[in-house]
Amino acid sequence: MRHVLDRIYGAAAWAAALFMIGTLVMILLSVTGRLLDFHIRGTDAYAGYCMAAAAFLALAHTLKRGEHIRVTLILDHVGSRGRQALEIWSHVAGLLCAVLLAWFATRLAWQSFQFNDISQGTDATPLWIPQMGMALGSVIFAIALADELVATLRGEKLRHRASDSEPVRSE
């Protein structure tokens, strides 16, 4: 199961990277179009769609690599039992928020699909398409937080090393 989850997190990170490249391409097309006096409809909107998809799809991998910002001011001043309790509390609170985000993001994409909602720009893109990046990224992030909560409840410590491509679990 660990291997499958790590592959999902990695695939989401690769998709995020591709969407970042998509953002770059859309911006370059827009700038080049202004310089050469041509216009491609929707480049600004598509750059925004790609950026949102990249941000949400990168959440799980960023969490698993230990790259999310953590304020450890309190954690550094409590004992191991207090730290364990605070870690569990923060993972539960984070998981609750992530599940709610995933639920509402998925519901939004589904409703946009059902109602055939399209963007207000000149591109008239069906909104469920760009919203899928947010929904999928939110779901994978919720799974990653549940994974972290289970590891914390088991007493596993997760060491992250910037030089490694994957986190290393130690007991």
C-alpha atoms as a PDB file:
ATOM      1  CA  MET A   1       0.000   0.000   0.000  1.00  0.00           C
ATOM      2  CA  ARG A   2       2.889   2.345   0.808  1.00  0.00           C
ATOM      3  CA  HIS A   3       4.261   1.912  -2.709  1.00  0.00           C
ATOM      4  CA  VAL A   4       0.878   2.694  -4.292  1.00  0.00           C
ATOM      5  CA  LEU A   5       0.394   5.842  -2.209  1.00  0.00           C
ATOM      6  CA  ASP A   6       3.899   7.092  -2.940  1.00  0.00           C
ATOM      7  CA  ARG A   7       3.297   6.530  -6.659  1.00  0.00           C
ATOM      8  CA  ILE A   8       0.041   8.515  -6.471  1.00  0.00           C
ATOM      9  CA  TYR A   9       1.807  11.398  -4.708  1.00  0.00           C
ATOM     10  CA  GLY A  10       4.612  11.292  -7.250  1.00  0.00           C
ATOM     11  CA  ALA A  11       2.223  11.185 -10.214  1.00  0.00           C
ATOM     12  CA  ALA A  12       0.350  14.186  -8.836  1.00  0.00           C
ATOM     13  CA  ALA A  13       3.663  16.046  -8.472  1.00  0.00           C
ATOM     14  CA  TRP A  14       4.584  15.268 -12.073  1.00  0.00           C
ATOM     15  CA  ALA A  15       1.159  16.456 -13.219  1.00  0.00           C
ATOM     16  CA  ALA A  16       1.686  19.653 -11.216  1.00  0.00           C
ATOM     17  CA  ALA A  17       5.023  20.157 -12.959  1.00  0.00           C
ATOM     18  CA  LEU A  18       3.363  19.708 -16.353  1.00  0.00           C
ATOM     19  CA  PHE A  19       0.718  22.259 -15.418  1.00  0.00           C
ATOM     20  CA  MET A  20       3.488  24.674 -14.406  1.00  0.00           C
ATOM     21  CA  ILE A  21       4.966  24.210 -17.866  1.00  0.00           C
ATOM     22  CA  GLY A  22       1.480  24.832 -19.267  1.00  0.00           C
ATOM     23  CA  THR A  23       1.347  28.090 -17.313  1.00  0.00           C
ATOM     24  CA  LEU A  24       4.690  29.110 -18.795  1.00  0.00           C
ATOM     25  CA  VAL A  25       3.556  28.247 -22.327  1.00  0.00           C
ATOM     26  CA  MET A  26       0.334  30.253 -21.954  1.00  0.00           C
ATOM     27  CA  ILE A  27       2.213  33.289 -20.629  1.00  0.00           C
ATOM     28  CA  LEU A  28       4.820  33.058 -23.386  1.00  0.00           C
ATOM     29  CA  LEU A  29       2.070  32.794 -26.014  1.00  0.00           C
ATOM     30  CA  SER A  30       0.362  35.836 -24.576  1.00  0.00           C
ATOM     31  CA  VAL A  31       3.567  37.899 -24.459  1.00  0.00           C
ATOM     32  CA  THR A  32       4.666  36.774 -27.924  1.00  0.00           C
ATOM     33  CA  GLY A  33       1.213  37.579 -29.267  1.00  0.00           C
ATOM     34  CA  ARG A  34       1.425  41.107 -27.918  1.00  0.00           C
ATOM     35  CA  LEU A  35       4.871  41.589 -29.438  1.00  0.00           C
ATOM     36  CA  LEU A  36       3.934  40.169 -32.842  1.00  0.00           C
ATOM     37  CA  ASP A  37       0.424  41.643 -32.906  1.00  0.00           C
ATOM     38  CA  PHE A  38      -1.690  38.480 -32.772  1.00  0.00           C
ATOM     39  CA  HIS A  39      -4.070  37.220 -30.128  1.00  0.00           C
ATOM     40  CA  ILE A  40      -4.847  33.708 -28.963  1.00  0.00           C
ATOM     41  CA  ARG A  41      -8.133  33.617 -27.092  1.00  0.00           C
ATOM     42  CA  GLY A  42      -8.100  32.398 -23.518  1.00  0.00           C
ATOM     43  CA  THR A  43      -4.371  32.357 -22.813  1.00  0.00           C
ATOM     44  CA  ASP A  44      -4.835  34.373 -19.611  1.00  0.00           C
ATOM     45  CA  ALA A  45      -7.637  32.084 -18.431  1.00  0.00           C
ATOM     46  CA  TYR A  46      -5.696  28.933 -19.321  1.00  0.00           C
ATOM     47  CA  ALA A  47      -2.629  30.227 -17.481  1.00  0.00           C
ATOM     48  CA  GLY A  48      -4.821  30.651 -14.402  1.00  0.00           C
ATOM     49  CA  TYR A  49      -6.348  27.189 -14.812  1.00  0.00           C
ATOM     50  CA  CYS A  50      -2.896  25.627 -15.117  1.00  0.00           C
ATOM     51  CA  MET A  51      -1.610  27.519 -12.078  1.00  0.00           C
ATOM     52  CA  ALA A  52      -4.559  26.397  -9.926  1.00  0.00           C
ATOM     53  CA  ALA A  53      -4.167  22.774 -11.038  1.00  0.00           C
ATOM     54  CA  ALA A  54      -0.423  22.902 -10.337  1.00  0.00           C
ATOM     55  CA  ALA A  55      -0.951  24.302  -6.854  1.00  0.00           C
ATOM     56  CA  PHE A  56      -3.547  21.742  -5.813  1.00  0.00           C
ATOM     57  CA  LEU A  57      -1.858  18.728  -7.402  1.00  0.00           C
ATOM     58  CA  ALA A  58       1.428  19.574  -5.643  1.00  0.00           C
ATOM     59  CA  LEU A  59      -0.104  19.688  -2.137  1.00  0.00           C
ATOM     60  CA  ALA A  60       0.231  15.982  -1.279  1.00  0.00           C
ATOM     61  CA  HIS A  61       3.788  15.595  -2.529  1.00  0.00           C
ATOM     62  CA  THR A  62       4.813  18.777  -0.740  1.00  0.00           C
ATOM     63  CA  LEU A  63       3.299  17.461   2.502  1.00  0.00           C
ATOM     64  CA  LYS A  64       5.012  14.089   2.184  1.00  0.00           C
ATOM     65  CA  ARG A  65       8.381  15.788   1.543  1.00  0.00           C
ATOM     66  CA  GLY A  66       7.978  17.915   4.663  1.00  0.00           C
ATOM     67  CA  GLU A  67       7.989  21.156   2.695  1.00  0.00           C
ATOM     68  CA  HIS A  68       4.797  22.679   4.100  1.00  0.00           C
ATOM     69  CA  ILE A  69       5.425  25.525   6.500  1.00  0.00           C
ATOM     70  CA  ARG A  70       5.245  24.322  10.100  1.00  0.00           C
ATOM     71  CA  VAL A  71       5.281  26.592  13.090  1.00  0.00           C
ATOM     72  CA  THR A  72       7.140  24.575  15.706  1.00  0.00           C
ATOM     73  CA  LEU A  73       7.319  27.246  18.396  1.00  0.00           C
ATOM     74  CA  ILE A  74       5.012  25.299  20.715  1.00  0.00           C
ATOM     75  CA  LEU A  75       6.183  21.839  19.631  1.00  0.00           C
ATOM     76  CA  ASP A  76       9.754  22.677  20.579  1.00  0.00           C
ATOM     77  CA  HIS A  77       8.731  23.497  24.161  1.00  0.00           C
ATOM     78  CA  VAL A  78       6.582  20.514  25.088  1.00  0.00           C
ATOM     79  CA  GLY A  79       7.703  17.020  25.992  1.00  0.00           C
ATOM     80  CA  SER A  80       7.402  13.993  23.762  1.00  0.00           C
ATOM     81  CA  ARG A  81       3.881  13.188  25.002  1.00  0.00           C
ATOM     82  CA  GLY A  82       2.716  16.756  24.448  1.00  0.00           C
ATOM     83  CA  ARG A  83       4.340  16.797  21.031  1.00  0.00           C
ATOM     84  CA  GLN A  84       2.610  13.530  20.085  1.00  0.00           C
ATOM     85  CA  ALA A  85      -0.775  14.898  21.231  1.00  0.00           C
ATOM     86  CA  LEU A  86      -0.288  18.148  19.323  1.00  0.00           C
ATOM     87  CA  GLU A  87       0.847  16.268  16.212  1.00  0.00           C
ATOM     88  CA  ILE A  88      -2.273  14.096  16.333  1.00  0.00           C
ATOM     89  CA  TRP A  89      -4.494  17.124  16.921  1.00  0.00           C
ATOM     90  CA  SER A  90      -2.941  19.030  14.004  1.00  0.00           C
ATOM     91  CA  HIS A  91      -3.260  16.040  11.672  1.00  0.00           C
ATOM     92  CA  VAL A  92      -6.913  15.527  12.630  1.00  0.00           C
ATOM     93  CA  ALA A  93      -7.687  19.231  12.152  1.00  0.00           C
ATOM     94  CA  GLY A  94      -5.813  19.304   8.845  1.00  0.00           C
ATOM     95  CA  LEU A  95      -7.552  16.150   7.664  1.00  0.00           C
ATOM     96  CA  LEU A  96     -10.951  17.593   8.521  1.00  0.00           C
ATOM     97  CA  CYS A  97     -10.188  20.757   6.535  1.00  0.00           C
ATOM     98  CA  ALA A  98      -8.773  18.757   3.616  1.00  0.00           C
ATOM     99  CA  VAL A  99     -11.790  16.433   3.488  1.00  0.00           C
ATOM    100  CA  LEU A 100     -14.129  19.428   3.457  1.00  0.00           C
ATOM    101  CA  LEU A 101     -12.073  21.074   0.712  1.00  0.00           C
ATOM    102  CA  ALA A 102     -12.062  17.855  -1.316  1.00  0.00           C
ATOM    103  CA  TRP A 103     -15.809  17.410  -0.862  1.00  0.00           C
ATOM    104  CA  PHE A 104     -16.696  20.934  -1.944  1.00  0.00           C
ATOM    105  CA  ALA A 105     -14.155  21.039  -4.787  1.00  0.00           C
ATOM    106  CA  THR A 106     -15.459  17.745  -6.155  1.00  0.00           C
ATOM    107  CA  ARG A 107     -19.053  18.903  -5.741  1.00  0.00           C
ATOM    108  CA  LEU A 108     -18.276  22.160  -7.533  1.00  0.00           C
ATOM    109  CA  ALA A 109     -16.733  20.324 -10.496  1.00  0.00           C
ATOM    110  CA  TRP A 110     -19.669  17.907 -10.623  1.00  0.00           C
ATOM    111  CA  GLN A 111     -22.225  20.726 -10.523  1.00  0.00           C
ATOM    112  CA  SER A 112     -20.365  22.616 -13.239  1.00  0.00           C
ATOM    113  CA  PHE A 113     -20.521  19.463 -15.345  1.00  0.00           C
ATOM    114  CA  GLN A 114     -24.222  18.917 -14.664  1.00  0.00           C
ATOM    115  CA  PHE A 115     -25.196  22.509 -15.417  1.00  0.00           C
ATOM    116  CA  ASN A 116     -22.818  22.803 -18.382  1.00  0.00           C
ATOM    117  CA  ASP A 117     -21.268  25.872 -16.766  1.00  0.00           C
ATOM    118  CA  ILE A 118     -18.769  27.659 -19.012  1.00  0.00           C
ATOM    119  CA  SER A 119     -16.198  30.366 -18.354  1.00  0.00           C
ATOM    120  CA  GLN A 120     -17.170  33.989 -18.874  1.00  0.00           C
ATOM    121  CA  GLY A 121     -14.130  34.683 -21.024  1.00  0.00           C
ATOM    122  CA  THR A 122     -13.869  34.538 -24.798  1.00  0.00           C
ATOM    123  CA  ASP A 123     -12.637  30.922 -24.624  1.00  0.00           C
ATOM    124  CA  ALA A 124     -15.978  29.562 -23.259  1.00  0.00           C
ATOM    125  CA  THR A 125     -14.277  26.588 -21.569  1.00  0.00           C
ATOM    126  CA  PRO A 126     -16.521  24.156 -19.693  1.00  0.00           C
ATOM    127  CA  LEU A 127     -15.549  24.949 -16.093  1.00  0.00           C
ATOM    128  CA  TRP A 128     -15.594  21.357 -14.871  1.00  0.00           C
ATOM    129  CA  ILE A 129     -12.409  20.707 -16.873  1.00  0.00           C
ATOM    130  CA  PRO A 130     -10.137  23.150 -15.003  1.00  0.00           C
ATOM    131  CA  GLN A 131     -11.976  22.460 -11.734  1.00  0.00           C
ATOM    132  CA  MET A 132     -10.969  18.794 -11.955  1.00  0.00           C
ATOM    133  CA  GLY A 133      -7.364  19.716 -11.150  1.00  0.00           C
ATOM    134  CA  MET A 134      -8.470  21.349  -7.928  1.00  0.00           C
ATOM    135  CA  ALA A 135     -10.806  18.490  -7.050  1.00  0.00           C
ATOM    136  CA  LEU A 136      -8.273  15.744  -7.764  1.00  0.00           C
ATOM    137  CA  GLY A 137      -5.482  17.579  -5.965  1.00  0.00           C
ATOM    138  CA  SER A 138      -7.714  18.117  -2.925  1.00  0.00           C
ATOM    139  CA  VAL A 139      -8.677  14.443  -2.776  1.00  0.00           C
ATOM    140  CA  ILE A 140      -5.047  13.306  -3.024  1.00  0.00           C
ATOM    141  CA  PHE A 141      -4.078  15.855  -0.351  1.00  0.00           C
ATOM    142  CA  ALA A 142      -6.772  14.488   1.989  1.00  0.00           C
ATOM    143  CA  ILE A 143      -5.435  10.975   1.409  1.00  0.00           C
ATOM    144  CA  ALA A 144      -1.898  12.176   2.191  1.00  0.00           C
ATOM    145  CA  LEU A 145      -3.067  13.792   5.424  1.00  0.00           C
ATOM    146  CA  ALA A 146      -4.872  10.584   6.421  1.00  0.00           C
ATOM    147  CA  ASP A 147      -1.639   8.715   5.638  1.00  0.00           C
ATOM    148  CA  GLU A 148       0.312  11.099   7.882  1.00  0.00           C
ATOM    149  CA  LEU A 149      -2.281  10.746  10.661  1.00  0.00           C
ATOM    150  CA  VAL A 150      -2.043   6.947  10.570  1.00  0.00           C
ATOM    151  CA  ALA A 151       1.763   7.148  10.680  1.00  0.00           C
ATOM    152  CA  THR A 152       1.585   9.528  13.651  1.00  0.00           C
ATOM    153  CA  LEU A 153      -0.880   7.290  15.490  1.00  0.00           C
ATOM    154  CA  ARG A 154       1.471   4.343  14.945  1.00  0.00           C
ATOM    155  CA  GLY A 155       4.264   6.373  16.480  1.00  0.00           C
ATOM    156  CA  GLU A 156       6.290   6.508  13.278  1.00  0.00           C
ATOM    157  CA  LYS A 157       8.433   9.540  12.794  1.00  0.00           C
ATOM    158  CA  LEU A 158       8.791  10.813   9.281  1.00  0.00           C
ATOM    159  CA  ARG A 159      12.240  12.136   8.443  1.00  0.00           C
ATOM    160  CA  HIS A 160      12.498  14.258   5.346  1.00  0.00           C
ATOM    161  CA  ARG A 161      15.815  14.741   3.657  1.00  0.00           C
ATOM    162  CA  ALA A 162      16.037  17.318   0.899  1.00  0.00           C
ATOM    163  CA  SER A 163      18.555  15.202  -1.015  1.00  0.00           C
ATOM    164  CA  ASP A 164      16.252  12.155  -1.153  1.00  0.00           C
ATOM    165  CA  SER A 165      13.489  11.793  -3.678  1.00  0.00           C
ATOM    166  CA  GLU A 166      11.230  10.091  -1.156  1.00  0.00           C
ATOM    167  CA  PRO A 167      10.712  10.491   2.592  1.00  0.00           C
ATOM    168  CA  VAL A 168      12.253   7.884   4.871  1.00  0.00           C
ATOM    169  CA  ARG A 169      10.199   6.387   7.704  1.00  0.00           C
ATOM    170  CA  SER A 170      11.956   5.536  10.925  1.00  0.00           C
ATOM    171  CA  GLU A 171      10.720   4.166  14.216  1.00  0.00           C
END
